[in-house]
Amino acid sequence: MTPAEIGRIVRAARRAQGLRQDQLAGAAGVGIRFLSELERGKPTVRLEKVITVLDALGCTLRVENPWGEAEPAEAASGEEASGEAAARRTVDLAGGQPRRAWSSE
């Protein structure tokens, strides 16, 4: 998933709910400039604010541990996991829209 893809999802969810950028920005407590940059896919937006916008839209964000419930021993001991395993992510975004799942490997 890229920042541009997240931006397209946010824009589509906002429009599907009939909201203008200023309305969503106000509901989420973020600035219009931030929301505009998010929708355009700016890669350096703050994650905390992205989550706030997703929440205001009724979207959910889920990141799954690639190892299931338990982490591998090396990750639990504080060492970095392998690049391949650490790169796997699954996120679902939904906000009155069909559930979307993605994985980046």
PDB file of N, CA and C in Angstrom:
ATOM      1  N   MET A   1       0.860  -1.164   0.000  1.00  0.00           N
ATOM      2  CA  MET A   1       0.000   0.000   0.000  1.00  0.00           C
ATOM      3  C   MET A   1       0.904   1.224   0.000  1.00  0.00           C
ATOM      4  N   THR A   2       0.570   2.169  -0.826  1.00  0.00           N
ATOM      5  CA  THR A   2       1.347   3.398  -0.917  1.00  0.00           C
ATOM      6  C   THR A   2       0.569   4.555  -0.304  1.00  0.00           C
ATOM      7  N   PRO A   3       1.245   5.650   0.022  1.00  0.00           N
ATOM      8  CA  PRO A   3       0.526   6.831   0.500  1.00  0.00           C
ATOM      9  C   PRO A   3      -0.523   7.312  -0.511  1.00  0.00           C
ATOM     10  N   ALA A   4      -0.226   7.189  -1.800  1.00  0.00           N
ATOM     11  CA  ALA A   4      -1.195   7.606  -2.827  1.00  0.00           C
ATOM     12  C   ALA A   4      -2.450   6.739  -2.770  1.00  0.00           C
ATOM     13  N   GLU A   5      -2.279   5.442  -2.531  1.00  0.00           N
ATOM     14  CA  GLU A   5      -3.443   4.555  -2.429  1.00  0.00           C
ATOM     15  C   GLU A   5      -4.286   4.889  -1.201  1.00  0.00           C
ATOM     16  N   ILE A   6      -3.634   5.174  -0.088  1.00  0.00           N
ATOM     17  CA  ILE A   6      -4.370   5.576   1.117  1.00  0.00           C
ATOM     18  C   ILE A   6      -5.119   6.872   0.843  1.00  0.00           C
ATOM     19  N   GLY A   7      -4.467   7.811   0.176  1.00  0.00           N
ATOM     20  CA  GLY A   7      -5.112   9.071  -0.164  1.00  0.00           C
ATOM     21  C   GLY A   7      -6.351   8.876  -1.023  1.00  0.00           C
ATOM     22  N   ARG A   8      -6.255   7.984  -2.003  1.00  0.00           N
ATOM     23  CA  ARG A   8      -7.416   7.711  -2.863  1.00  0.00           C
ATOM     24  C   ARG A   8      -8.558   7.093  -2.058  1.00  0.00           C
ATOM     25  N   ILE A   9      -8.237   6.220  -1.116  1.00  0.00           N
ATOM     26  CA  ILE A   9      -9.262   5.610  -0.273  1.00  0.00           C
ATOM     27  C   ILE A   9      -9.940   6.668   0.587  1.00  0.00           C
ATOM     28  N   VAL A  10      -9.147   7.551   1.192  1.00  0.00           N
ATOM     29  CA  VAL A  10      -9.706   8.616   2.033  1.00  0.00           C
ATOM     30  C   VAL A  10     -10.613   9.513   1.200  1.00  0.00           C
ATOM     31  N   ARG A  11     -10.150   9.928   0.035  1.00  0.00           N
ATOM     32  CA  ARG A  11     -10.954  10.794  -0.831  1.00  0.00           C
ATOM     33  C   ARG A  11     -12.261  10.102  -1.234  1.00  0.00           C
ATOM     34  N   ALA A  12     -12.174   8.831  -1.623  1.00  0.00           N
ATOM     35  CA  ALA A  12     -13.376   8.102  -2.041  1.00  0.00           C
ATOM     36  C   ALA A  12     -14.371   7.966  -0.885  1.00  0.00           C
ATOM     37  N   ALA A  13     -13.878   7.654   0.307  1.00  0.00           N
ATOM     38  CA  ALA A  13     -14.762   7.515   1.469  1.00  0.00           C
ATOM     39  C   ALA A  13     -15.401   8.854   1.823  1.00  0.00           C
ATOM     40  N   ARG A  14     -14.618   9.927   1.751  1.00  0.00           N
ATOM     41  CA  ARG A  14     -15.153  11.274   2.042  1.00  0.00           C
ATOM     42  C   ARG A  14     -16.260  11.627   1.059  1.00  0.00           C
ATOM     43  N   ARG A  15     -15.991  11.433  -0.223  1.00  0.00           N
ATOM     44  CA  ARG A  15     -16.981  11.761  -1.255  1.00  0.00           C
ATOM     45  C   ARG A  15     -18.217  10.879  -1.155  1.00  0.00           C
ATOM     46  N   ALA A  16     -18.023   9.594  -0.842  1.00  0.00           N
ATOM     47  CA  ALA A  16     -19.162   8.677  -0.703  1.00  0.00           C
ATOM     48  C   ALA A  16     -20.094   9.117   0.424  1.00  0.00           C
ATOM     49  N   GLN A  17     -19.528   9.794   1.424  1.00  0.00           N
ATOM     50  CA  GLN A  17     -20.326  10.280   2.546  1.00  0.00           C
ATOM     51  C   GLN A  17     -20.829  11.699   2.321  1.00  0.00           C
ATOM     52  N   GLY A  18     -20.529  12.259   1.145  1.00  0.00           N
ATOM     53  CA  GLY A  18     -21.013  13.598   0.797  1.00  0.00           C
ATOM     54  C   GLY A  18     -20.368  14.714   1.603  1.00  0.00           C
ATOM     55  N   LEU A  19     -19.124  14.511   2.005  1.00  0.00           N
ATOM     56  CA  LEU A  19     -18.421  15.513   2.820  1.00  0.00           C
ATOM     57  C   LEU A  19     -17.460  16.321   1.966  1.00  0.00           C
ATOM     58  N   ARG A  20     -17.373  17.611   2.291  1.00  0.00           N
ATOM     59  CA  ARG A  20     -16.329  18.457   1.707  1.00  0.00           C
ATOM     60  C   ARG A  20     -15.084  18.302   2.575  1.00  0.00           C
ATOM     61  N   GLN A  21     -13.945  18.699   2.020  1.00  0.00           N
ATOM     62  CA  GLN A  21     -12.702  18.590   2.784  1.00  0.00           C
ATOM     63  C   GLN A  21     -12.777  19.375   4.083  1.00  0.00           C
ATOM     64  N   ASP A  22     -13.341  20.566   4.061  1.00  0.00           N
ATOM     65  CA  ASP A  22     -13.401  21.359   5.293  1.00  0.00           C
ATOM     66  C   ASP A  22     -14.278  20.697   6.351  1.00  0.00           C
ATOM     67  N   GLN A  23     -15.333  20.005   5.926  1.00  0.00           N
ATOM     68  CA  GLN A  23     -16.196  19.312   6.886  1.00  0.00           C
ATOM     69  C   GLN A  23     -15.470  18.140   7.538  1.00  0.00           C
ATOM     70  N   LEU A  24     -14.787  17.338   6.732  1.00  0.00           N
ATOM     71  CA  LEU A  24     -14.042  16.206   7.284  1.00  0.00           C
ATOM     72  C   LEU A  24     -12.896  16.692   8.151  1.00  0.00           C
ATOM     73  N   ALA A  25     -12.194  17.713   7.699  1.00  0.00           N
ATOM     74  CA  ALA A  25     -11.079  18.252   8.484  1.00  0.00           C
ATOM     75  C   ALA A  25     -11.573  18.709   9.853  1.00  0.00           C
ATOM     76  N   GLY A  26     -12.707  19.395   9.888  1.00  0.00           N
ATOM     77  CA  GLY A  26     -13.278  19.849  11.159  1.00  0.00           C
ATOM     78  C   GLY A  26     -13.684  18.687  12.047  1.00  0.00           C
ATOM     79  N   ALA A  27     -14.316  17.675  11.468  1.00  0.00           N
ATOM     80  CA  ALA A  27     -14.756  16.506  12.243  1.00  0.00           C
ATOM     81  C   ALA A  27     -13.572  15.738  12.805  1.00  0.00           C
ATOM     82  N   ALA A  28     -12.466  15.700  12.058  1.00  0.00           N
ATOM     83  CA  ALA A  28     -11.286  14.950  12.485  1.00  0.00           C
ATOM     84  C   ALA A  28     -10.336  15.786  13.341  1.00  0.00           C
ATOM     85  N   GLY A  29     -10.548  17.098  13.373  1.00  0.00           N
ATOM     86  CA  GLY A  29      -9.655  17.962  14.145  1.00  0.00           C
ATOM     87  C   GLY A  29      -8.301  18.160  13.492  1.00  0.00           C
ATOM     88  N   VAL A  30      -8.286  18.123  12.163  1.00  0.00           N
ATOM     89  CA  VAL A  30      -7.052  18.368  11.417  1.00  0.00           C
ATOM     90  C   VAL A  30      -7.286  19.556  10.493  1.00  0.00           C
ATOM     91  N   GLY A  31      -6.225  20.092   9.955  1.00  0.00           N
ATOM     92  CA  GLY A  31      -6.343  21.214   9.047  1.00  0.00           C
ATOM     93  C   GLY A  31      -6.713  20.768   7.639  1.00  0.00           C
ATOM     94  N   ILE A  32      -7.308  21.690   6.891  1.00  0.00           N
ATOM     95  CA  ILE A  32      -7.662  21.394   5.509  1.00  0.00           C
ATOM     96  C   ILE A  32      -6.411  21.086   4.702  1.00  0.00           C
ATOM     97  N   ARG A  33      -5.328  21.809   4.968  1.00  0.00           N
ATOM     98  CA  ARG A  33      -4.087  21.550   4.246  1.00  0.00           C
ATOM     99  C   ARG A  33      -3.611  20.123   4.468  1.00  0.00           C
ATOM    100  N   PHE A  34      -3.663  19.656   5.728  1.00  0.00           N
ATOM    101  CA  PHE A  34      -3.251  18.277   6.016  1.00  0.00           C
ATOM    102  C   PHE A  34      -4.109  17.299   5.232  1.00  0.00           C
ATOM    103  N   LEU A  35      -5.428  17.482   5.272  1.00  0.00           N
ATOM    104  CA  LEU A  35      -6.327  16.569   4.585  1.00  0.00           C
ATOM    105  C   LEU A  35      -6.070  16.569   3.080  1.00  0.00           C
ATOM    106  N   SER A  36      -5.833  17.734   2.525  1.00  0.00           N
ATOM    107  CA  SER A  36      -5.532  17.841   1.100  1.00  0.00           C
ATOM    108  C   SER A  36      -4.250  17.078   0.762  1.00  0.00           C
ATOM    109  N   GLU A  37      -3.226  17.247   1.588  1.00  0.00           N
ATOM    110  CA  GLU A  37      -1.960  16.538   1.365  1.00  0.00           C
ATOM    111  C   GLU A  37      -2.139  15.029   1.514  1.00  0.00           C
ATOM    112  N   LEU A  38      -2.939  14.607   2.475  1.00  0.00           N
ATOM    113  CA  LEU A  38      -3.214  13.187   2.672  1.00  0.00           C
ATOM    114  C   LEU A  38      -3.895  12.613   1.431  1.00  0.00           C
ATOM    115  N   GLU A  39      -4.909  13.301   0.942  1.00  0.00           N
ATOM    116  CA  GLU A  39      -5.637  12.811  -0.229  1.00  0.00           C
ATOM    117  C   GLU A  39      -4.766  12.803  -1.487  1.00  0.00           C
ATOM    118  N   ARG A  40      -3.779  13.667  -1.546  1.00  0.00           N
ATOM    119  CA  ARG A  40      -2.858  13.689  -2.694  1.00  0.00           C
ATOM    120  C   ARG A  40      -1.735  12.671  -2.542  1.00  0.00           C
ATOM    121  N   GLY A  41      -1.677  11.991  -1.401  1.00  0.00           N
ATOM    122  CA  GLY A  41      -0.688  10.937  -1.214  1.00  0.00           C
ATOM    123  C   GLY A  41       0.668  11.403  -0.739  1.00  0.00           C
ATOM    124  N   LYS A  42       0.720  12.534  -0.050  1.00  0.00           N
ATOM    125  CA  LYS A  42       2.004  13.005   0.467  1.00  0.00           C
ATOM    126  C   LYS A  42       2.587  11.950   1.412  1.00  0.00           C
ATOM    127  N   PRO A  43       3.813  11.515   1.170  1.00  0.00           N
ATOM    128  CA  PRO A  43       4.367  10.400   1.950  1.00  0.00           C
ATOM    129  C   PRO A  43       4.817  10.759   3.367  1.00  0.00           C
ATOM    130  N   THR A  44       4.854  12.022   3.721  1.00  0.00           N
ATOM    131  CA  THR A  44       5.382  12.391   5.033  1.00  0.00           C
ATOM    132  C   THR A  44       4.303  12.875   6.009  1.00  0.00           C
ATOM    133  N   VAL A  45       3.038  12.537   5.776  1.00  0.00           N
ATOM    134  CA  VAL A  45       1.995  12.949   6.708  1.00  0.00           C
ATOM    135  C   VAL A  45       2.140  12.184   8.018  1.00  0.00           C
ATOM    136  N   ARG A  46       1.638  12.773   9.102  1.00  0.00           N
ATOM    137  CA  ARG A  46       1.755  12.148  10.420  1.00  0.00           C
ATOM    138  C   ARG A  46       0.752  11.014  10.580  1.00  0.00           C
ATOM    139  N   LEU A  47       1.239   9.860  10.963  1.00  0.00           N
ATOM    140  CA  LEU A  47       0.404   8.679  11.117  1.00  0.00           C
ATOM    141  C   LEU A  47      -0.732   8.917  12.109  1.00  0.00           C
ATOM    142  N   GLU A  48      -0.452   9.584  13.203  1.00  0.00           N
ATOM    143  CA  GLU A  48      -1.477   9.855  14.212  1.00  0.00           C
ATOM    144  C   GLU A  48      -2.662  10.588  13.595  1.00  0.00           C
ATOM    145  N   LYS A  49      -2.378  11.576  12.750  1.00  0.00           N
ATOM    146  CA  LYS A  49      -3.451  12.328  12.109  1.00  0.00           C
ATOM    147  C   LYS A  49      -4.170  11.500  11.054  1.00  0.00           C
ATOM    148  N   VAL A  50      -3.443  10.648  10.341  1.00  0.00           N
ATOM    149  CA  VAL A  50      -4.073   9.766   9.356  1.00  0.00           C
ATOM    150  C   VAL A  50      -5.094   8.878  10.058  1.00  0.00           C
ATOM    151  N   ILE A  51      -4.721   8.307  11.187  1.00  0.00           N
ATOM    152  CA  ILE A  51      -5.622   7.443  11.944  1.00  0.00           C
ATOM    153  C   ILE A  51      -6.839   8.226  12.413  1.00  0.00           C
ATOM    154  N   THR A  52      -6.660   9.461  12.821  1.00  0.00           N
ATOM    155  CA  THR A  52      -7.766  10.308  13.253  1.00  0.00           C
ATOM    156  C   THR A  52      -8.743  10.549  12.105  1.00  0.00           C
ATOM    157  N   VAL A  53      -8.218  10.820  10.914  1.00  0.00           N
ATOM    158  CA  VAL A  53      -9.074  11.035   9.739  1.00  0.00           C
ATOM    159  C   VAL A  53      -9.824   9.753   9.402  1.00  0.00           C
ATOM    160  N   LEU A  54      -9.134   8.610   9.402  1.00  0.00           N
ATOM    161  CA  LEU A  54      -9.788   7.342   9.119  1.00  0.00           C
ATOM    162  C   LEU A  54     -10.906   7.070  10.113  1.00  0.00           C
ATOM    163  N   ASP A  55     -10.657   7.366  11.372  1.00  0.00           N
ATOM    164  CA  ASP A  55     -11.665   7.170  12.411  1.00  0.00           C
ATOM    165  C   ASP A  55     -12.871   8.075  12.171  1.00  0.00           C
ATOM    166  N   ALA A  56     -12.631   9.326  11.803  1.00  0.00           N
ATOM    167  CA  ALA A  56     -13.729  10.266  11.541  1.00  0.00           C
ATOM    168  C   ALA A  56     -14.586   9.805  10.367  1.00  0.00           C
ATOM    169  N   LEU A  57     -13.988   9.094   9.425  1.00  0.00           N
ATOM    170  CA  LEU A  57     -14.726   8.566   8.277  1.00  0.00           C
ATOM    171  C   LEU A  57     -15.444   7.254   8.605  1.00  0.00           C
ATOM    172  N   GLY A  58     -15.164   6.698   9.780  1.00  0.00           N
ATOM    173  CA  GLY A  58     -15.743   5.408  10.133  1.00  0.00           C
ATOM    174  C   GLY A  58     -14.951   4.246   9.575  1.00  0.00           C
ATOM    175  N   CYS A  59     -13.738   4.524   9.126  1.00  0.00           N
ATOM    176  CA  CYS A  59     -12.868   3.474   8.593  1.00  0.00           C
ATOM    177  C   CYS A  59     -12.166   2.769   9.743  1.00  0.00           C
ATOM    178  N   THR A  60     -11.732   1.569   9.486  1.00  0.00           N
ATOM    179  CA  THR A  60     -10.929   0.855  10.462  1.00  0.00           C
ATOM    180  C   THR A  60      -9.580   0.556   9.839  1.00  0.00           C
ATOM    181  N   LEU A  61      -8.587   0.529  10.659  1.00  0.00           N
ATOM    182  CA  LEU A  61      -7.222   0.223  10.227  1.00  0.00           C
ATOM    183  C   LEU A  61      -6.748  -0.933  11.087  1.00  0.00           C
ATOM    184  N   ARG A  62      -6.327  -2.000  10.428  1.00  0.00           N
ATOM    185  CA  ARG A  62      -5.859  -3.171  11.168  1.00  0.00           C
ATOM    186  C   ARG A  62      -4.507  -3.583  10.615  1.00  0.00           C
ATOM    187  N   VAL A  63      -3.540  -3.739  11.496  1.00  0.00           N
ATOM    188  CA  VAL A  63      -2.225  -4.244  11.132  1.00  0.00           C
ATOM    189  C   VAL A  63      -2.071  -5.569  11.850  1.00  0.00           C
ATOM    190  N   GLU A  64      -1.817  -6.617  11.093  1.00  0.00           N
ATOM    191  CA  GLU A  64      -1.702  -7.940  11.677  1.00  0.00           C
ATOM    192  C   GLU A  64      -0.252  -8.344  11.811  1.00  0.00           C
ATOM    193  N   ASN A  65       0.043  -8.974  12.913  1.00  0.00           N
ATOM    194  CA  ASN A  65       1.361  -9.530  13.149  1.00  0.00           C
ATOM    195  C   ASN A  65       1.550 -10.691  12.169  1.00  0.00           C
ATOM    196  N   PRO A  66       2.591 -10.683  11.351  1.00  0.00           N
ATOM    197  CA  PRO A  66       2.764 -11.754  10.377  1.00  0.00           C
ATOM    198  C   PRO A  66       3.024 -13.120  11.006  1.00  0.00           C
ATOM    199  N   TRP A  67       3.306 -13.170  12.288  1.00  0.00           N
ATOM    200  CA  TRP A  67       3.586 -14.438  12.966  1.00  0.00           C
ATOM    201  C   TRP A  67       2.380 -14.934  13.732  1.00  0.00           C
ATOM    202  N   GLY A  68       1.252 -14.307  13.588  1.00  0.00           N
ATOM    203  CA  GLY A  68       0.060 -14.709  14.338  1.00  0.00           C
ATOM    204  C   GLY A  68       0.089 -14.095  15.720  1.00  0.00           C
ATOM    205  N   GLU A  69      -0.409 -14.812  16.700  1.00  0.00           N
ATOM    206  CA  GLU A  69      -0.506 -14.291  18.061  1.00  0.00           C
ATOM    207  C   GLU A  69       0.854 -14.121  18.729  1.00  0.00           C
ATOM    208  N   ALA A  70       1.752 -15.056  18.526  1.00  0.00           N
ATOM    209  CA  ALA A  70       3.058 -15.015  19.184  1.00  0.00           C
ATOM    210  C   ALA A  70       4.111 -14.495  18.216  1.00  0.00           C
ATOM    211  N   GLU A  71       5.014 -13.705  18.731  1.00  0.00           N
ATOM    212  CA  GLU A  71       6.130 -13.210  17.933  1.00  0.00           C
ATOM    213  C   GLU A  71       7.243 -14.246  17.938  1.00  0.00           C
ATOM    214  N   PRO A  72       8.064 -14.281  16.885  1.00  0.00           N
ATOM    215  CA  PRO A  72       9.200 -15.198  16.916  1.00  0.00           C
ATOM    216  C   PRO A  72      10.161 -14.803  18.034  1.00  0.00           C
ATOM    217  N   ALA A  73      10.951 -15.744  18.480  1.00  0.00           N
ATOM    218  CA  ALA A  73      11.856 -15.514  19.610  1.00  0.00           C
ATOM    219  C   ALA A  73      12.765 -14.322  19.387  1.00  0.00           C
ATOM    220  N   GLU A  74      13.295 -14.144  18.168  1.00  0.00           N
ATOM    221  CA  GLU A  74      14.221 -13.040  17.959  1.00  0.00           C
ATOM    222  C   GLU A  74      13.526 -11.682  18.057  1.00  0.00           C
ATOM    223  N   ALA A  75      12.251 -11.599  17.654  1.00  0.00           N
ATOM    224  CA  ALA A  75      11.522 -10.334  17.766  1.00  0.00           C
ATOM    225  C   ALA A  75      11.165 -10.080  19.226  1.00  0.00           C
ATOM    226  N   ALA A  76      10.793 -11.119  19.948  1.00  0.00           N
ATOM    227  CA  ALA A  76      10.434 -10.969  21.349  1.00  0.00           C
ATOM    228  C   ALA A  76      11.631 -10.552  22.179  1.00  0.00           C
ATOM    229  N   SER A  77      12.835 -10.942  21.762  1.00  0.00           N
ATOM    230  CA  SER A  77      14.017 -10.604  22.539  1.00  0.00           C
ATOM    231  C   SER A  77      14.544  -9.216  22.210  1.00  0.00           C
ATOM    232  N   GLY A  78      13.844  -8.502  21.326  1.00  0.00           N
ATOM    233  CA  GLY A  78      14.256  -7.149  20.999  1.00  0.00           C
ATOM    234  C   GLY A  78      15.077  -7.049  19.731  1.00  0.00           C
ATOM    235  N   GLU A  79      15.486  -8.194  19.156  1.00  0.00           N
ATOM    236  CA  GLU A  79      16.245  -8.160  17.916  1.00  0.00           C
ATOM    237  C   GLU A  79      15.290  -7.920  16.764  1.00  0.00           C
ATOM    238  N   GLU A  80      15.787  -7.359  15.670  1.00  0.00           N
ATOM    239  CA  GLU A  80      14.955  -7.102  14.504  1.00  0.00           C
ATOM    240  C   GLU A  80      14.582  -8.408  13.831  1.00  0.00           C
ATOM    241  N   ALA A  81      13.340  -8.469  13.348  1.00  0.00           N
ATOM    242  CA  ALA A  81      12.886  -9.633  12.595  1.00  0.00           C
ATOM    243  C   ALA A  81      13.478  -9.570  11.199  1.00  0.00           C
ATOM    244  N   SER A  82      13.403 -10.671  10.483  1.00  0.00           N
ATOM    245  CA  SER A  82      13.936 -10.686   9.121  1.00  0.00           C
ATOM    246  C   SER A  82      13.218  -9.658   8.280  1.00  0.00           C
ATOM    247  N   GLY A  83      13.898  -9.115   7.294  1.00  0.00           N
ATOM    248  CA  GLY A  83      13.313  -8.103   6.423  1.00  0.00           C
ATOM    249  C   GLY A  83      12.071  -8.604   5.726  1.00  0.00           C
ATOM    250  N   GLU A  84      12.110  -9.874   5.282  1.00  0.00           N
ATOM    251  CA  GLU A  84      10.943 -10.432   4.574  1.00  0.00           C
ATOM    252  C   GLU A  84       9.727 -10.490   5.489  1.00  0.00           C
ATOM    253  N   ALA A  85       9.900 -11.005   6.683  1.00  0.00           N
ATOM    254  CA  ALA A  85       8.772 -11.120   7.605  1.00  0.00           C
ATOM    255  C   ALA A  85       8.305  -9.762   8.081  1.00  0.00           C
ATOM    256  N   ALA A  86       9.218  -8.857   8.336  1.00  0.00           N
ATOM    257  CA  ALA A  86       8.844  -7.536   8.823  1.00  0.00           C
ATOM    258  C   ALA A  86       8.137  -6.729   7.754  1.00  0.00           C
ATOM    259  N   ALA A  87       8.351  -7.039   6.488  1.00  0.00           N
ATOM    260  CA  ALA A  87       7.732  -6.272   5.407  1.00  0.00           C
ATOM    261  C   ALA A  87       6.279  -6.650   5.183  1.00  0.00           C
ATOM    262  N   ARG A  88       5.844  -7.835   5.675  1.00  0.00           N
ATOM    263  CA  ARG A  88       4.456  -8.259   5.452  1.00  0.00           C
ATOM    264  C   ARG A  88       3.522  -7.479   6.355  1.00  0.00           C
ATOM    265  N   ARG A  89       2.483  -6.923   5.766  1.00  0.00           N
ATOM    266  CA  ARG A  89       1.484  -6.166   6.516  1.00  0.00           C
ATOM    267  C   ARG A  89       0.118  -6.469   5.919  1.00  0.00           C
ATOM    268  N   THR A  90      -0.905  -6.504   6.742  1.00  0.00           N
ATOM    269  CA  THR A  90      -2.269  -6.624   6.249  1.00  0.00           C
ATOM    270  C   THR A  90      -3.091  -5.557   6.932  1.00  0.00           C
ATOM    271  N   VAL A  91      -3.768  -4.775   6.137  1.00  0.00           N
ATOM    272  CA  VAL A  91      -4.588  -3.694   6.667  1.00  0.00           C
ATOM    273  C   VAL A  91      -5.931  -3.729   5.969  1.00  0.00           C
ATOM    274  N   ASP A  92      -7.007  -3.571   6.718  1.00  0.00           N
ATOM    275  CA  ASP A  92      -8.340  -3.449   6.167  1.00  0.00           C
ATOM    276  C   ASP A  92      -8.827  -2.038   6.429  1.00  0.00           C
ATOM    277  N   LEU A  93      -9.356  -1.394   5.413  1.00  0.00           N
ATOM    278  CA  LEU A  93      -9.961  -0.084   5.556  1.00  0.00           C
ATOM    279  C   LEU A  93     -11.411  -0.223   5.136  1.00  0.00           C
ATOM    280  N   ALA A  94     -12.324   0.183   5.991  1.00  0.00           N
ATOM    281  CA  ALA A  94     -13.733   0.131   5.627  1.00  0.00           C
ATOM    282  C   ALA A  94     -14.431   1.334   6.226  1.00  0.00           C
ATOM    283  N   GLY A  95     -15.330   1.897   5.515  1.00  0.00           N
ATOM    284  CA  GLY A  95     -16.120   3.017   5.997  1.00  0.00           C
ATOM    285  C   GLY A  95     -17.389   3.085   5.172  1.00  0.00           C
ATOM    286  N   GLY A  96     -18.246   2.103   5.334  1.00  0.00           N
ATOM    287  CA  GLY A  96     -19.426   2.032   4.518  1.00  0.00           C
ATOM    288  C   GLY A  96     -19.103   1.595   3.096  1.00  0.00           C
ATOM    289  N   GLN A  97     -17.888   1.192   2.878  1.00  0.00           N
ATOM    290  CA  GLN A  97     -17.415   0.736   1.576  1.00  0.00           C
ATOM    291  C   GLN A  97     -17.088  -0.743   1.689  1.00  0.00           C
ATOM    292  N   PRO A  98     -16.970  -1.429   0.560  1.00  0.00           N
ATOM    293  CA  PRO A  98     -16.517  -2.822   0.657  1.00  0.00           C
ATOM    294  C   PRO A  98     -15.160  -2.881   1.354  1.00  0.00           C
ATOM    295  N   ARG A  99     -14.958  -3.889   2.143  1.00  0.00           N
ATOM    296  CA  ARG A  99     -13.709  -4.037   2.880  1.00  0.00           C
ATOM    297  C   ARG A  99     -12.554  -4.268   1.917  1.00  0.00           C
ATOM    298  N   ARG A 100     -11.497  -3.531   2.091  1.00  0.00           N
ATOM    299  CA  ARG A 100     -10.317  -3.663   1.256  1.00  0.00           C
ATOM    300  C   ARG A 100      -9.200  -4.253   2.101  1.00  0.00           C
ATOM    301  N   ALA A 101      -8.519  -5.217   1.581  1.00  0.00           N
ATOM    302  CA  ALA A 101      -7.368  -5.802   2.277  1.00  0.00           C
ATOM    303  C   ALA A 101      -6.168  -5.683   1.366  1.00  0.00           C
ATOM    304  N   TRP A 102      -5.022  -5.408   1.925  1.00  0.00           N
ATOM    305  CA  TRP A 102      -3.806  -5.323   1.120  1.00  0.00           C
ATOM    306  C   TRP A 102      -2.661  -5.921   1.878  1.00  0.00           C
ATOM    307  N   SER A 103      -1.700  -6.290   1.137  1.00  0.00           N
ATOM    308  CA  SER A 103      -0.489  -6.864   1.707  1.00  0.00           C
ATOM    309  C   SER A 103       0.696  -6.371   0.909  1.00  0.00           C
ATOM    310  N   SER A 104       1.716  -5.928   1.585  1.00  0.00           N
ATOM    311  CA  SER A 104       2.928  -5.456   0.927  1.00  0.00           C
ATOM    312  C   SER A 104       4.045  -6.410   1.284  1.00  0.00           C
ATOM    313  N   GLU A 105       4.605  -7.072   0.305  1.00  0.00           N
ATOM    314  CA  GLU A 105       5.678  -8.036   0.588  1.00  0.00           C
ATOM    315  C   GLU A 105       6.945  -7.611  -0.092  1.00  0.00           C
TER     316      GLU A 105
END
